[in-house]
N, C-alpha and C. Protein backbone atom coordinates (compact mmCIF):
# COMPACT_ATOMS: atom_id res chain seq x y z
N UNK A 1 0.85 -1.17 0.00
CA UNK A 1 0.00 0.00 0.00
C UNK A 1 0.90 1.23 0.00
N UNK A 2 0.56 2.19 -0.84
CA UNK A 2 1.36 3.40 -0.96
C UNK A 2 0.96 4.41 0.10
N UNK A 3 1.93 5.12 0.60
CA UNK A 3 1.70 6.16 1.60
C UNK A 3 1.35 7.45 0.86
N UNK A 4 0.19 8.05 1.15
CA UNK A 4 -0.20 9.28 0.45
C UNK A 4 0.72 10.45 0.72
N UNK A 5 1.53 10.36 1.78
CA UNK A 5 2.45 11.45 2.11
C UNK A 5 3.79 11.34 1.39
N UNK A 6 3.97 10.26 0.64
CA UNK A 6 5.24 10.05 -0.05
C UNK A 6 5.14 10.62 -1.45
N UNK A 7 6.11 11.43 -1.81
CA UNK A 7 6.18 12.01 -3.14
C UNK A 7 6.43 10.90 -4.15
N UNK A 8 5.82 10.98 -5.34
CA UNK A 8 6.02 9.97 -6.38
C UNK A 8 7.48 9.77 -6.72
N UNK A 9 8.28 10.80 -6.57
CA UNK A 9 9.70 10.68 -6.87
C UNK A 9 10.43 9.86 -5.83
N UNK A 10 9.84 9.70 -4.64
CA UNK A 10 10.45 8.91 -3.57
C UNK A 10 10.16 7.42 -3.71
N UNK A 11 9.11 7.06 -4.42
CA UNK A 11 8.71 5.65 -4.55
C UNK A 11 9.71 4.90 -5.43
N UNK A 12 10.08 3.73 -4.94
CA UNK A 12 11.02 2.88 -5.68
C UNK A 12 10.37 1.53 -5.87
N UNK A 13 10.32 1.06 -7.09
CA UNK A 13 9.76 -0.25 -7.40
C UNK A 13 10.84 -1.31 -7.19
N UNK A 14 10.57 -2.27 -6.32
CA UNK A 14 11.52 -3.34 -6.05
C UNK A 14 10.94 -4.66 -6.54
N UNK A 15 11.78 -5.54 -7.08
CA UNK A 15 11.27 -6.85 -7.47
C UNK A 15 10.86 -7.62 -6.22
N UNK A 16 9.78 -8.38 -6.32
CA UNK A 16 9.32 -9.17 -5.19
C UNK A 16 9.94 -10.56 -5.32
N UNK A 17 10.80 -10.89 -4.37
CA UNK A 17 11.50 -12.16 -4.34
C UNK A 17 11.27 -12.82 -2.99
N UNK A 18 11.88 -13.97 -2.77
CA UNK A 18 11.68 -14.68 -1.51
C UNK A 18 12.55 -14.16 -0.37
N UNK A 19 13.23 -13.04 -0.61
CA UNK A 19 13.98 -12.40 0.48
C UNK A 19 13.95 -10.89 0.30
N UNK A 20 14.05 -10.21 1.42
CA UNK A 20 14.09 -8.75 1.44
C UNK A 20 15.31 -8.34 2.24
N UNK A 21 16.22 -7.61 1.60
CA UNK A 21 17.42 -7.13 2.27
C UNK A 21 17.19 -5.69 2.73
N UNK A 22 17.19 -5.49 4.01
CA UNK A 22 16.87 -4.18 4.59
C UNK A 22 18.09 -3.26 4.72
N UNK A 23 19.26 -3.69 4.29
CA UNK A 23 20.45 -2.86 4.42
C UNK A 23 20.31 -1.52 3.70
N UNK A 24 19.54 -1.48 2.64
CA UNK A 24 19.39 -0.25 1.86
C UNK A 24 18.34 0.70 2.43
N UNK A 25 17.63 0.27 3.45
CA UNK A 25 16.54 1.08 4.02
C UNK A 25 17.02 1.84 5.25
N UNK A 26 16.55 3.07 5.37
CA UNK A 26 16.80 3.84 6.58
C UNK A 26 15.98 3.21 7.71
N UNK A 27 16.48 3.22 8.94
CA UNK A 27 15.74 2.62 10.05
C UNK A 27 14.29 3.12 10.15
N UNK A 28 14.05 4.38 9.83
CA UNK A 28 12.70 4.93 9.92
C UNK A 28 11.74 4.30 8.90
N UNK A 29 12.29 3.67 7.84
CA UNK A 29 11.48 3.09 6.78
C UNK A 29 11.30 1.58 6.90
N UNK A 30 11.98 0.97 7.85
CA UNK A 30 11.98 -0.49 7.95
C UNK A 30 10.59 -1.05 8.22
N UNK A 31 9.88 -0.50 9.18
CA UNK A 31 8.55 -1.00 9.53
C UNK A 31 7.62 -0.99 8.32
N UNK A 32 7.54 0.12 7.65
CA UNK A 32 6.65 0.25 6.49
C UNK A 32 7.10 -0.68 5.36
N UNK A 33 8.39 -0.81 5.15
CA UNK A 33 8.90 -1.68 4.09
C UNK A 33 8.55 -3.14 4.37
N UNK A 34 8.72 -3.57 5.60
CA UNK A 34 8.42 -4.96 5.96
C UNK A 34 6.92 -5.23 5.85
N UNK A 35 6.10 -4.31 6.32
CA UNK A 35 4.64 -4.48 6.22
C UNK A 35 4.21 -4.60 4.76
N UNK A 36 4.70 -3.72 3.91
CA UNK A 36 4.35 -3.75 2.48
C UNK A 36 4.85 -5.03 1.82
N UNK A 37 6.05 -5.45 2.18
CA UNK A 37 6.63 -6.68 1.63
C UNK A 37 5.78 -7.90 2.02
N UNK A 38 5.41 -7.99 3.29
CA UNK A 38 4.60 -9.12 3.74
C UNK A 38 3.25 -9.18 3.03
N UNK A 39 2.65 -8.03 2.84
CA UNK A 39 1.38 -7.98 2.13
C UNK A 39 1.54 -8.50 0.69
N UNK A 40 2.59 -8.07 0.03
CA UNK A 40 2.80 -8.45 -1.37
C UNK A 40 3.16 -9.93 -1.51
N UNK A 41 4.04 -10.45 -0.65
CA UNK A 41 4.39 -11.87 -0.77
C UNK A 41 3.21 -12.76 -0.41
N UNK A 42 2.36 -12.29 0.48
CA UNK A 42 1.15 -13.05 0.80
C UNK A 42 0.23 -13.12 -0.42
N UNK A 43 0.01 -11.99 -1.06
CA UNK A 43 -0.84 -11.94 -2.26
C UNK A 43 -0.29 -12.86 -3.35
N UNK A 44 1.02 -12.91 -3.46
CA UNK A 44 1.66 -13.72 -4.50
C UNK A 44 1.80 -15.20 -4.11
N UNK A 45 1.43 -15.54 -2.88
CA UNK A 45 1.43 -16.93 -2.47
C UNK A 45 2.76 -17.51 -2.03
N UNK A 46 3.70 -16.68 -1.63
CA UNK A 46 4.98 -17.20 -1.13
C UNK A 46 4.73 -17.94 0.19
N UNK A 47 5.21 -19.15 0.34
CA UNK A 47 5.01 -19.87 1.60
C UNK A 47 6.02 -19.47 2.69
N UNK A 48 7.25 -19.17 2.27
CA UNK A 48 8.33 -18.83 3.20
C UNK A 48 9.18 -17.73 2.58
N UNK A 49 9.57 -16.76 3.39
CA UNK A 49 10.45 -15.69 2.93
C UNK A 49 11.53 -15.46 3.99
N UNK A 50 12.56 -14.72 3.59
CA UNK A 50 13.65 -14.39 4.50
C UNK A 50 13.83 -12.88 4.50
N UNK A 51 13.89 -12.31 5.68
CA UNK A 51 14.12 -10.88 5.82
C UNK A 51 15.51 -10.68 6.41
N UNK A 52 16.36 -10.00 5.65
CA UNK A 52 17.75 -9.79 6.05
C UNK A 52 17.85 -8.42 6.70
N UNK A 53 18.10 -8.42 8.00
CA UNK A 53 18.17 -7.16 8.75
C UNK A 53 19.57 -6.86 9.24
N UNK A 54 20.47 -7.81 9.14
CA UNK A 54 21.84 -7.62 9.59
C UNK A 54 21.99 -7.91 11.07
N UNK A 55 23.22 -8.01 11.50
CA UNK A 55 23.49 -8.33 12.90
C UNK A 55 23.58 -7.07 13.74
N UNK A 56 24.48 -6.19 13.44
CA UNK A 56 24.59 -4.91 14.14
C UNK A 56 24.32 -5.00 15.63
N UNK A 57 23.59 -4.03 16.14
CA UNK A 57 23.23 -4.02 17.56
C UNK A 57 21.80 -4.50 17.78
N UNK A 58 21.13 -4.92 16.71
CA UNK A 58 19.83 -5.54 16.83
C UNK A 58 18.63 -4.63 16.69
N UNK A 59 18.83 -3.38 16.32
CA UNK A 59 17.71 -2.44 16.21
C UNK A 59 16.75 -2.85 15.10
N UNK A 60 17.29 -3.11 13.90
CA UNK A 60 16.41 -3.50 12.79
C UNK A 60 15.77 -4.86 13.07
N UNK A 61 16.52 -5.78 13.66
CA UNK A 61 15.96 -7.10 14.00
C UNK A 61 14.76 -6.93 14.92
N UNK A 62 14.87 -6.07 15.90
CA UNK A 62 13.78 -5.83 16.84
C UNK A 62 12.56 -5.23 16.12
N UNK A 63 12.78 -4.28 15.24
CA UNK A 63 11.68 -3.68 14.48
C UNK A 63 10.98 -4.75 13.64
N UNK A 64 11.78 -5.56 12.94
CA UNK A 64 11.22 -6.63 12.10
C UNK A 64 10.41 -7.59 12.95
N UNK A 65 10.94 -8.03 14.06
CA UNK A 65 10.25 -9.01 14.90
C UNK A 65 8.93 -8.45 15.45
N UNK A 66 8.90 -7.18 15.78
CA UNK A 66 7.65 -6.58 16.27
C UNK A 66 6.59 -6.56 15.17
N UNK A 67 7.01 -6.25 13.94
CA UNK A 67 6.07 -6.27 12.81
C UNK A 67 5.55 -7.70 12.60
N UNK A 68 6.45 -8.67 12.64
CA UNK A 68 6.06 -10.07 12.41
C UNK A 68 5.09 -10.57 13.48
N UNK A 69 5.31 -10.18 14.73
CA UNK A 69 4.44 -10.61 15.83
C UNK A 69 3.00 -10.16 15.63
N UNK A 70 2.82 -9.02 14.99
CA UNK A 70 1.48 -8.42 14.84
C UNK A 70 0.83 -8.67 13.49
N UNK A 71 1.57 -9.27 12.56
CA UNK A 71 1.06 -9.40 11.20
C UNK A 71 0.20 -10.65 11.04
N UNK A 72 -1.02 -10.52 10.52
CA UNK A 72 -1.92 -11.67 10.38
C UNK A 72 -1.47 -12.68 9.32
N UNK A 73 -0.57 -12.31 8.43
CA UNK A 73 -0.09 -13.22 7.39
C UNK A 73 1.00 -14.17 7.90
N UNK A 74 1.56 -13.89 9.07
CA UNK A 74 2.70 -14.63 9.59
C UNK A 74 2.24 -15.78 10.49
N UNK A 75 2.66 -16.99 10.12
CA UNK A 75 2.37 -18.16 10.94
C UNK A 75 3.43 -18.34 12.02
N UNK A 76 4.71 -18.19 11.62
CA UNK A 76 5.81 -18.31 12.57
C UNK A 76 7.06 -17.70 11.96
N UNK A 77 8.07 -17.47 12.80
CA UNK A 77 9.34 -16.94 12.32
C UNK A 77 10.45 -17.36 13.25
N UNK A 78 11.68 -17.38 12.72
CA UNK A 78 12.84 -17.78 13.51
C UNK A 78 14.11 -17.28 12.82
N UNK A 79 15.23 -17.34 13.54
CA UNK A 79 16.51 -16.98 12.94
C UNK A 79 16.79 -17.90 11.76
N UNK A 80 17.46 -17.36 10.77
CA UNK A 80 17.88 -18.16 9.62
C UNK A 80 18.98 -19.12 10.05
N UNK A 81 19.20 -20.15 9.25
CA UNK A 81 20.31 -21.06 9.51
C UNK A 81 21.61 -20.28 9.34
N UNK A 82 22.71 -20.78 9.90
CA UNK A 82 23.98 -20.05 9.80
C UNK A 82 24.38 -19.71 8.36
N UNK A 83 24.17 -20.63 7.42
CA UNK A 83 24.55 -20.37 6.04
C UNK A 83 23.60 -19.40 5.33
N UNK A 84 22.45 -19.11 5.94
CA UNK A 84 21.48 -18.18 5.34
C UNK A 84 21.44 -16.85 6.10
N UNK A 85 22.42 -16.61 6.98
CA UNK A 85 22.48 -15.33 7.67
C UNK A 85 22.43 -15.41 9.17
N UNK A 86 22.10 -16.59 9.72
CA UNK A 86 22.04 -16.72 11.18
C UNK A 86 21.12 -15.70 11.81
N UNK A 87 21.55 -15.10 12.93
CA UNK A 87 20.68 -14.13 13.60
C UNK A 87 20.64 -12.78 12.89
N UNK A 88 21.30 -12.67 11.75
CA UNK A 88 21.23 -11.45 10.92
C UNK A 88 20.11 -11.50 9.91
N UNK A 89 19.34 -12.60 9.92
CA UNK A 89 18.19 -12.74 9.02
C UNK A 89 17.10 -13.52 9.73
N UNK A 90 15.87 -13.25 9.36
CA UNK A 90 14.73 -13.94 9.96
C UNK A 90 13.96 -14.65 8.86
N UNK A 91 13.69 -15.93 9.08
CA UNK A 91 12.89 -16.73 8.15
C UNK A 91 11.44 -16.66 8.63
N UNK A 92 10.54 -16.39 7.68
CA UNK A 92 9.14 -16.18 8.01
C UNK A 92 8.29 -17.19 7.24
N UNK A 93 7.48 -17.96 7.96
CA UNK A 93 6.51 -18.85 7.32
C UNK A 93 5.18 -18.12 7.30
N UNK A 94 4.58 -18.05 6.11
CA UNK A 94 3.35 -17.31 5.94
C UNK A 94 2.13 -18.22 5.98
N UNK A 95 1.01 -17.68 6.43
CA UNK A 95 -0.26 -18.42 6.45
C UNK A 95 -0.86 -18.38 5.04
N UNK A 96 -1.23 -19.52 4.51
CA UNK A 96 -1.81 -19.51 3.17
C UNK A 96 -3.24 -18.97 3.15
N UNK A 97 -3.90 -18.97 4.29
CA UNK A 97 -5.32 -18.62 4.33
C UNK A 97 -5.65 -17.32 5.04
N UNK A 98 -4.64 -16.58 5.43
CA UNK A 98 -4.89 -15.35 6.20
C UNK A 98 -5.44 -14.24 5.33
């Protein structure tokens, strides 16, 4: 869903894939980006996605986890396996019927 307060020049079209890398997003935009991404992957029928938030001090991870806890499309989530990012990424299983 587009934010009516965002200028058309600010909107960036991103390909929808089974992972979202948040490194390019400002912390203030993470919540909205994750919410929009979850809505779109749900519509497209993705069963599982990975959100890459990085390790850092955990600020983006915390924002992502709060969004996931409240999102009706999310069945469950957990840290990625070590080869897929470990605690720097979160794997999300989506509800097919939400």
